Amino acid sequence: MPDGRRLRDVSGDQAIRAFERLGYRIARVKGSHVIMEHPERRAIVIPRHRRLRPGTLLGRIKDAGLTVEEFENLL
């Protein structure tokens, strides 16, 4: 069972690449935030920070309908 430890060291750019592998695309950028859209899933906003807070990342993972383990496999 995943414990989410890898979520502590994920940057915004790494998260963006992982969501792109899932089929998300960058729709627009506003400041340091990237808005990503998917044809069948909910849109998500990813801050482009050096390290994302685990709670922020976990919320985006849940918005995308993924488990932590599924997301970690995309990294």
Protein backbone atom coordinates (compact mmCIF):
# COMPACT_ATOMS: atom_id res chain seq x y z
CA MET A 1 0.00 0.00 0.00
CA PRO A 2 1.47 3.39 -0.93
CA ASP A 3 2.23 5.73 1.92
CA GLY A 4 2.56 8.89 -0.15
CA ARG A 5 6.14 9.59 0.85
CA ARG A 6 7.06 10.36 -2.75
CA LEU A 7 4.47 13.14 -2.76
CA ARG A 8 6.71 15.21 -0.50
CA ASP A 9 9.34 15.76 -3.19
CA VAL A 10 7.21 16.45 -6.27
CA SER A 11 7.73 19.76 -8.07
CA GLY A 12 5.06 21.55 -10.03
CA ASP A 13 6.80 20.67 -13.30
CA GLN A 14 6.95 16.98 -12.37
CA ALA A 15 3.24 17.01 -11.54
CA ILE A 16 2.43 18.73 -14.85
CA ARG A 17 4.36 16.06 -16.79
CA ALA A 18 2.62 13.27 -14.85
CA PHE A 19 -0.83 14.71 -15.60
CA GLU A 20 0.14 15.13 -19.26
CA ARG A 21 0.89 11.39 -19.37
CA LEU A 22 -2.67 10.87 -18.18
CA GLY A 23 -4.04 12.90 -21.09
CA TYR A 24 -4.27 16.38 -19.56
CA ARG A 25 -3.08 19.33 -21.61
CA ILE A 26 -2.05 22.81 -20.59
CA ALA A 27 -5.00 25.05 -21.36
CA ARG A 28 -3.53 28.31 -20.06
CA VAL A 29 -1.10 29.82 -17.59
CA LYS A 30 -1.92 32.55 -15.09
CA GLY A 31 1.08 33.76 -13.15
CA SER A 32 2.78 30.76 -11.60
CA HIS A 33 -0.27 28.52 -11.99
CA VAL A 34 -0.96 26.15 -14.88
CA ILE A 35 -4.55 25.29 -15.71
CA MET A 36 -4.81 21.81 -17.21
CA GLU A 37 -7.81 20.33 -18.98
CA HIS A 38 -8.81 16.81 -19.93
CA PRO A 39 -11.62 15.86 -22.32
CA GLU A 40 -13.27 13.53 -19.79
CA ARG A 41 -11.98 14.64 -16.39
CA ARG A 42 -12.22 17.70 -14.22
CA ALA A 43 -9.86 20.63 -14.91
CA ILE A 44 -7.04 21.08 -12.41
CA VAL A 45 -4.73 23.94 -11.43
CA ILE A 46 -1.09 23.14 -10.70
CA PRO A 47 1.18 25.72 -9.04
CA ARG A 48 4.64 25.76 -10.65
CA HIS A 49 6.57 25.66 -7.39
CA ARG A 50 9.83 23.88 -6.69
CA ARG A 51 8.08 21.59 -4.24
CA LEU A 52 4.33 21.16 -3.95
CA ARG A 53 2.78 20.71 -0.54
CA PRO A 54 1.56 17.13 -0.15
CA GLY A 55 -1.97 18.28 0.69
CA THR A 56 -2.15 20.46 -2.43
CA LEU A 57 -0.92 17.63 -4.62
CA LEU A 58 -3.23 15.11 -2.98
CA GLY A 59 -6.20 17.38 -3.75
CA ARG A 60 -5.22 17.56 -7.43
CA ILE A 61 -4.79 13.78 -7.55
CA LYS A 62 -8.29 13.29 -6.15
CA ASP A 63 -9.73 15.93 -8.53
CA ALA A 64 -8.29 13.89 -11.41
CA GLY A 65 -9.95 10.74 -10.06
CA LEU A 66 -6.68 8.96 -9.30
CA THR A 67 -5.28 7.12 -6.34
CA VAL A 68 -1.91 8.11 -4.91
CA GLU A 69 -0.44 4.85 -6.25
CA GLU A 70 -1.73 5.56 -9.79
CA PHE A 71 -0.22 9.04 -9.67
CA GLU A 72 3.11 7.76 -8.37
CA ASN A 73 3.24 5.37 -11.33
CA LEU A 74 2.92 8.37 -13.67
CA LEU A 75 5.94 10.14 -12.12
